[in-house]
Amino acid sequence: MNVVAVTSCPTGIAHSQMAAENLEQTAERLGHEIKVEVQGAMGAQNELTTAEIDDADAVIIASDTAVSRERFEGKPLVKGTVKDGVNDPESLFEQAAELVEEGETSAVEAGGGDDDAAEEPAAGGDAGGQRRGGDREKGLFARLKKLFS
């Protein structure tokens, strides 16, 4: 299977690179071809060309930031987090392979949920009472505040 992928995290320093490397190693081990674009604070590295996208059988996005999906229209697409790309790239490839086998050209969230079925919180709202970004008490700013107080 020929796959193109995009990894992206808010800072784009380490996790995006780690996810890209794990996706590349997993693709090699599983016998797939892959090209990974890494997006971060410094812009995009190893940018995917239109020809590479056209030749791809599937797309994997391992991202904690918004990644434009327009250029992947009509391709089976699996969307996971950077953590999925770092810790469980095999499942991303498995889901992509399933989509290709089924002839699907839709986007799915890693873990099996349809991308279109995901509820987006209203502006300024929250989804199901949960705040995006996790527990404030465990966040970077909370830890820094504790460190310096």
C-alpha atoms as a PDB file:
ATOM      1  CA  MET A   1       0.000   0.000   0.000  1.00  0.00           C
ATOM      2  CA  ASN A   2       1.266   3.479  -0.841  1.00  0.00           C
ATOM      3  CA  VAL A   3       0.527   5.938   1.975  1.00  0.00           C
ATOM      4  CA  VAL A   4       1.034   9.659   2.496  1.00  0.00           C
ATOM      5  CA  ALA A   5       0.931  11.059   6.007  1.00  0.00           C
ATOM      6  CA  VAL A   6       0.974  14.353   7.871  1.00  0.00           C
ATOM      7  CA  THR A   7       2.141  14.745  11.453  1.00  0.00           C
ATOM      8  CA  SER A   8       1.601  17.950  13.369  1.00  0.00           C
ATOM      9  CA  CYS A   9       1.662  19.163  16.940  1.00  0.00           C
ATOM     10  CA  PRO A  10       1.308  22.682  18.361  1.00  0.00           C
ATOM     11  CA  THR A  11       5.038  23.226  18.819  1.00  0.00           C
ATOM     12  CA  GLY A  12       6.243  20.837  16.143  1.00  0.00           C
ATOM     13  CA  ILE A  13       9.562  20.277  17.852  1.00  0.00           C
ATOM     14  CA  ALA A  14       9.718  16.677  18.993  1.00  0.00           C
ATOM     15  CA  HIS A  15       6.409  14.829  18.884  1.00  0.00           C
ATOM     16  CA  SER A  16       5.717  15.506  15.208  1.00  0.00           C
ATOM     17  CA  GLN A  17       9.168  14.196  14.335  1.00  0.00           C
ATOM     18  CA  MET A  18       8.765  11.145  16.573  1.00  0.00           C
ATOM     19  CA  ALA A  19       5.387  10.302  15.038  1.00  0.00           C
ATOM     20  CA  ALA A  20       6.820  10.715  11.520  1.00  0.00           C
ATOM     21  CA  GLU A  21       9.748   8.441  12.319  1.00  0.00           C
ATOM     22  CA  ASN A  22       7.493   5.775  13.853  1.00  0.00           C
ATOM     23  CA  LEU A  23       5.149   5.891  10.850  1.00  0.00           C
ATOM     24  CA  GLU A  24       8.110   5.487   8.477  1.00  0.00           C
ATOM     25  CA  GLN A  25       9.585   2.577  10.457  1.00  0.00           C
ATOM     26  CA  THR A  26       6.216   0.857  10.758  1.00  0.00           C
ATOM     27  CA  ALA A  27       5.524   1.271   7.034  1.00  0.00           C
ATOM     28  CA  GLU A  28       8.870  -0.309   6.213  1.00  0.00           C
ATOM     29  CA  ARG A  29       8.270  -3.185   8.624  1.00  0.00           C
ATOM     30  CA  LEU A  30       4.776  -3.822   7.210  1.00  0.00           C
ATOM     31  CA  GLY A  31       5.920  -3.531   3.589  1.00  0.00           C
ATOM     32  CA  HIS A  32       4.192  -0.241   2.756  1.00  0.00           C
ATOM     33  CA  GLU A  33       5.524   2.808   0.928  1.00  0.00           C
ATOM     34  CA  ILE A  34       5.153   6.110   2.813  1.00  0.00           C
ATOM     35  CA  LYS A  35       6.027   9.772   2.596  1.00  0.00           C
ATOM     36  CA  VAL A  36       5.451  11.879   5.711  1.00  0.00           C
ATOM     37  CA  GLU A  37       5.015  15.647   5.827  1.00  0.00           C
ATOM     38  CA  VAL A  38       5.869  17.170   9.211  1.00  0.00           C
ATOM     39  CA  GLN A  39       4.089  20.388  10.155  1.00  0.00           C
ATOM     40  CA  GLY A  40       5.160  22.500  13.088  1.00  0.00           C
ATOM     41  CA  ALA A  41       5.993  25.946  14.337  1.00  0.00           C
ATOM     42  CA  MET A  42       8.664  26.354  11.658  1.00  0.00           C
ATOM     43  CA  GLY A  43       6.307  25.432   8.797  1.00  0.00           C
ATOM     44  CA  ALA A  44       6.115  22.232   6.783  1.00  0.00           C
ATOM     45  CA  GLN A  45       9.039  19.894   6.167  1.00  0.00           C
ATOM     46  CA  ASN A  46       9.124  17.211   3.480  1.00  0.00           C
ATOM     47  CA  GLU A  47       5.984  18.665   1.871  1.00  0.00           C
ATOM     48  CA  LEU A  48       3.768  16.278  -0.058  1.00  0.00           C
ATOM     49  CA  THR A  49       3.440  16.987  -3.772  1.00  0.00           C
ATOM     50  CA  THR A  50       0.191  16.696  -5.704  1.00  0.00           C
ATOM     51  CA  ALA A  51       1.638  13.719  -7.592  1.00  0.00           C
ATOM     52  CA  GLU A  52       2.535  11.918  -4.352  1.00  0.00           C
ATOM     53  CA  ILE A  53      -0.968  12.472  -3.017  1.00  0.00           C
ATOM     54  CA  ASP A  54      -2.534  11.313  -6.300  1.00  0.00           C
ATOM     55  CA  ASP A  55      -0.428   8.121  -6.240  1.00  0.00           C
ATOM     56  CA  ALA A  56      -1.313   7.328  -2.615  1.00  0.00           C
ATOM     57  CA  ASP A  57      -3.766   4.587  -1.745  1.00  0.00           C
ATOM     58  CA  ALA A  58      -4.508   6.122   1.672  1.00  0.00           C
ATOM     59  CA  VAL A  59      -3.782   9.090   3.925  1.00  0.00           C
ATOM     60  CA  ILE A  60      -2.846   9.080   7.608  1.00  0.00           C
ATOM     61  CA  ILE A  61      -2.991  12.268   9.657  1.00  0.00           C
ATOM     62  CA  ALA A  62      -1.431  12.074  13.129  1.00  0.00           C
ATOM     63  CA  SER A  63      -2.069  15.534  14.453  1.00  0.00           C
ATOM     64  CA  ASP A  64      -2.995  17.545  17.519  1.00  0.00           C
ATOM     65  CA  THR A  65      -3.590  20.654  15.397  1.00  0.00           C
ATOM     66  CA  ALA A  66      -5.881  21.444  12.488  1.00  0.00           C
ATOM     67  CA  VAL A  67      -4.584  20.007   9.206  1.00  0.00           C
ATOM     68  CA  SER A  68      -6.305  20.994   5.972  1.00  0.00           C
ATOM     69  CA  ARG A  69      -7.830  17.928   4.333  1.00  0.00           C
ATOM     70  CA  GLU A  70      -8.826  19.577   1.048  1.00  0.00           C
ATOM     71  CA  ARG A  71      -5.877  18.178  -0.874  1.00  0.00           C
ATOM     72  CA  PHE A  72      -6.787  14.644   0.239  1.00  0.00           C
ATOM     73  CA  GLU A  73     -10.372  14.695  -1.133  1.00  0.00           C
ATOM     74  CA  GLY A  74     -11.435  11.310  -2.499  1.00  0.00           C
ATOM     75  CA  LYS A  75      -8.768   9.385  -0.570  1.00  0.00           C
ATOM     76  CA  PRO A  76      -9.337   7.018   2.351  1.00  0.00           C
ATOM     77  CA  LEU A  77      -8.148   9.005   5.373  1.00  0.00           C
ATOM     78  CA  VAL A  78      -7.417   7.948   8.949  1.00  0.00           C
ATOM     79  CA  LYS A  79      -7.134  10.757  11.504  1.00  0.00           C
ATOM     80  CA  GLY A  80      -5.389  10.098  14.789  1.00  0.00           C
ATOM     81  CA  THR A  81      -3.465  12.061  17.357  1.00  0.00           C
ATOM     82  CA  VAL A  82       0.287  12.547  17.466  1.00  0.00           C
ATOM     83  CA  LYS A  83       0.213  10.121  20.404  1.00  0.00           C
ATOM     84  CA  ASP A  84      -1.321   7.502  18.082  1.00  0.00           C
ATOM     85  CA  GLY A  85       1.508   8.086  15.631  1.00  0.00           C
ATOM     86  CA  VAL A  86       4.120   7.721  18.359  1.00  0.00           C
ATOM     87  CA  ASN A  87       2.621   4.864  20.396  1.00  0.00           C
ATOM     88  CA  ASP A  88       0.383   2.893  18.016  1.00  0.00           C
ATOM     89  CA  PRO A  89       1.194   3.503  14.344  1.00  0.00           C
ATOM     90  CA  GLU A  90       0.226  -0.083  13.483  1.00  0.00           C
ATOM     91  CA  SER A  91      -3.441   0.612  14.206  1.00  0.00           C
ATOM     92  CA  LEU A  92      -3.364   3.647  11.905  1.00  0.00           C
ATOM     93  CA  PHE A  93      -2.047   1.450   9.088  1.00  0.00           C
ATOM     94  CA  GLU A  94      -4.589  -1.283   9.878  1.00  0.00           C
ATOM     95  CA  GLN A  95      -7.471   1.190   9.661  1.00  0.00           C
ATOM     96  CA  ALA A  96      -6.088   2.662   6.438  1.00  0.00           C
ATOM     97  CA  ALA A  97      -5.766  -0.829   4.922  1.00  0.00           C
ATOM     98  CA  GLU A  98      -9.367  -1.634   5.913  1.00  0.00           C
ATOM     99  CA  LEU A  99     -10.618   1.529   4.205  1.00  0.00           C
ATOM    100  CA  VAL A 100      -8.666   0.698   1.047  1.00  0.00           C
ATOM    101  CA  GLU A 101      -9.960  -2.904   1.019  1.00  0.00           C
ATOM    102  CA  GLU A 102     -13.533  -1.696   1.454  1.00  0.00           C
ATOM    103  CA  GLY A 103     -13.136   0.908  -1.282  1.00  0.00           C
ATOM    104  CA  GLU A 104     -14.014   3.700   1.157  1.00  0.00           C
ATOM    105  CA  THR A 105     -13.015   7.274   0.363  1.00  0.00           C
ATOM    106  CA  SER A 106     -14.135   8.781   3.639  1.00  0.00           C
ATOM    107  CA  ALA A 107     -12.313  10.024   6.717  1.00  0.00           C
ATOM    108  CA  VAL A 108     -12.417   8.088   9.982  1.00  0.00           C
ATOM    109  CA  GLU A 109     -11.081   8.894  13.411  1.00  0.00           C
ATOM    110  CA  ALA A 110      -8.556   6.459  14.855  1.00  0.00           C
ATOM    111  CA  GLY A 111     -10.508   4.181  17.133  1.00  0.00           C
ATOM    112  CA  GLY A 112     -13.281   3.651  14.588  1.00  0.00           C
ATOM    113  CA  GLY A 113     -15.509   6.730  14.879  1.00  0.00           C
ATOM    114  CA  ASP A 114     -16.554   8.506  11.689  1.00  0.00           C
ATOM    115  CA  ASP A 115     -14.961  11.921  11.298  1.00  0.00           C
ATOM    116  CA  ASP A 116     -18.253  13.451  10.170  1.00  0.00           C
ATOM    117  CA  ALA A 117     -20.052  12.040  13.203  1.00  0.00           C
ATOM    118  CA  ALA A 118     -17.755  13.771  15.667  1.00  0.00           C
ATOM    119  CA  GLU A 119     -19.541  16.562  17.443  1.00  0.00           C
ATOM    120  CA  GLU A 120     -17.828  19.920  17.225  1.00  0.00           C
ATOM    121  CA  PRO A 121     -18.351  22.179  20.204  1.00  0.00           C
ATOM    122  CA  ALA A 122     -20.039  25.484  19.546  1.00  0.00           C
ATOM    123  CA  ALA A 123     -17.841  28.557  19.659  1.00  0.00           C
ATOM    124  CA  GLY A 124     -16.940  29.125  23.271  1.00  0.00           C
ATOM    125  CA  GLY A 125     -18.741  25.942  24.295  1.00  0.00           C
ATOM    126  CA  ASP A 126     -17.670  22.503  25.262  1.00  0.00           C
ATOM    127  CA  ALA A 127     -18.404  19.005  24.016  1.00  0.00           C
ATOM    128  CA  GLY A 128     -20.321  16.871  26.497  1.00  0.00           C
ATOM    129  CA  GLY A 129     -19.099  18.891  29.454  1.00  0.00           C
ATOM    130  CA  GLN A 130     -15.448  18.098  28.763  1.00  0.00           C
ATOM    131  CA  ARG A 131     -12.984  20.869  28.113  1.00  0.00           C
ATOM    132  CA  ARG A 132     -10.661  20.412  25.143  1.00  0.00           C
ATOM    133  CA  GLY A 133      -7.025  20.121  26.083  1.00  0.00           C
ATOM    134  CA  GLY A 134      -7.363  17.972  29.198  1.00  0.00           C
ATOM    135  CA  ASP A 135      -7.168  18.699  32.882  1.00  0.00           C
ATOM    136  CA  ARG A 136      -6.081  22.269  33.652  1.00  0.00           C
ATOM    137  CA  GLU A 137      -4.352  21.094  36.840  1.00  0.00           C
ATOM    138  CA  LYS A 138      -1.951  18.946  34.792  1.00  0.00           C
ATOM    139  CA  GLY A 139      -1.270  21.508  32.073  1.00  0.00           C
ATOM    140  CA  LEU A 140       2.006  23.235  31.341  1.00  0.00           C
ATOM    141  CA  PHE A 141       0.944  26.574  32.798  1.00  0.00           C
ATOM    142  CA  ALA A 142      -0.316  24.970  36.004  1.00  0.00           C
ATOM    143  CA  ARG A 143       2.955  23.103  36.436  1.00  0.00           C
ATOM    144  CA  LEU A 144       5.002  26.241  35.746  1.00  0.00           C
ATOM    145  CA  LYS A 145       2.894  28.208  38.194  1.00  0.00           C
ATOM    146  CA  LYS A 146       3.517  25.590  40.902  1.00  0.00           C
ATOM    147  CA  LEU A 147       7.208  25.537  40.056  1.00  0.00           C
ATOM    148  CA  PHE A 148       7.654  29.285  40.411  1.00  0.00           C
ATOM    149  CA  SER A 149       5.371  29.842  43.419  1.00  0.00           C
END
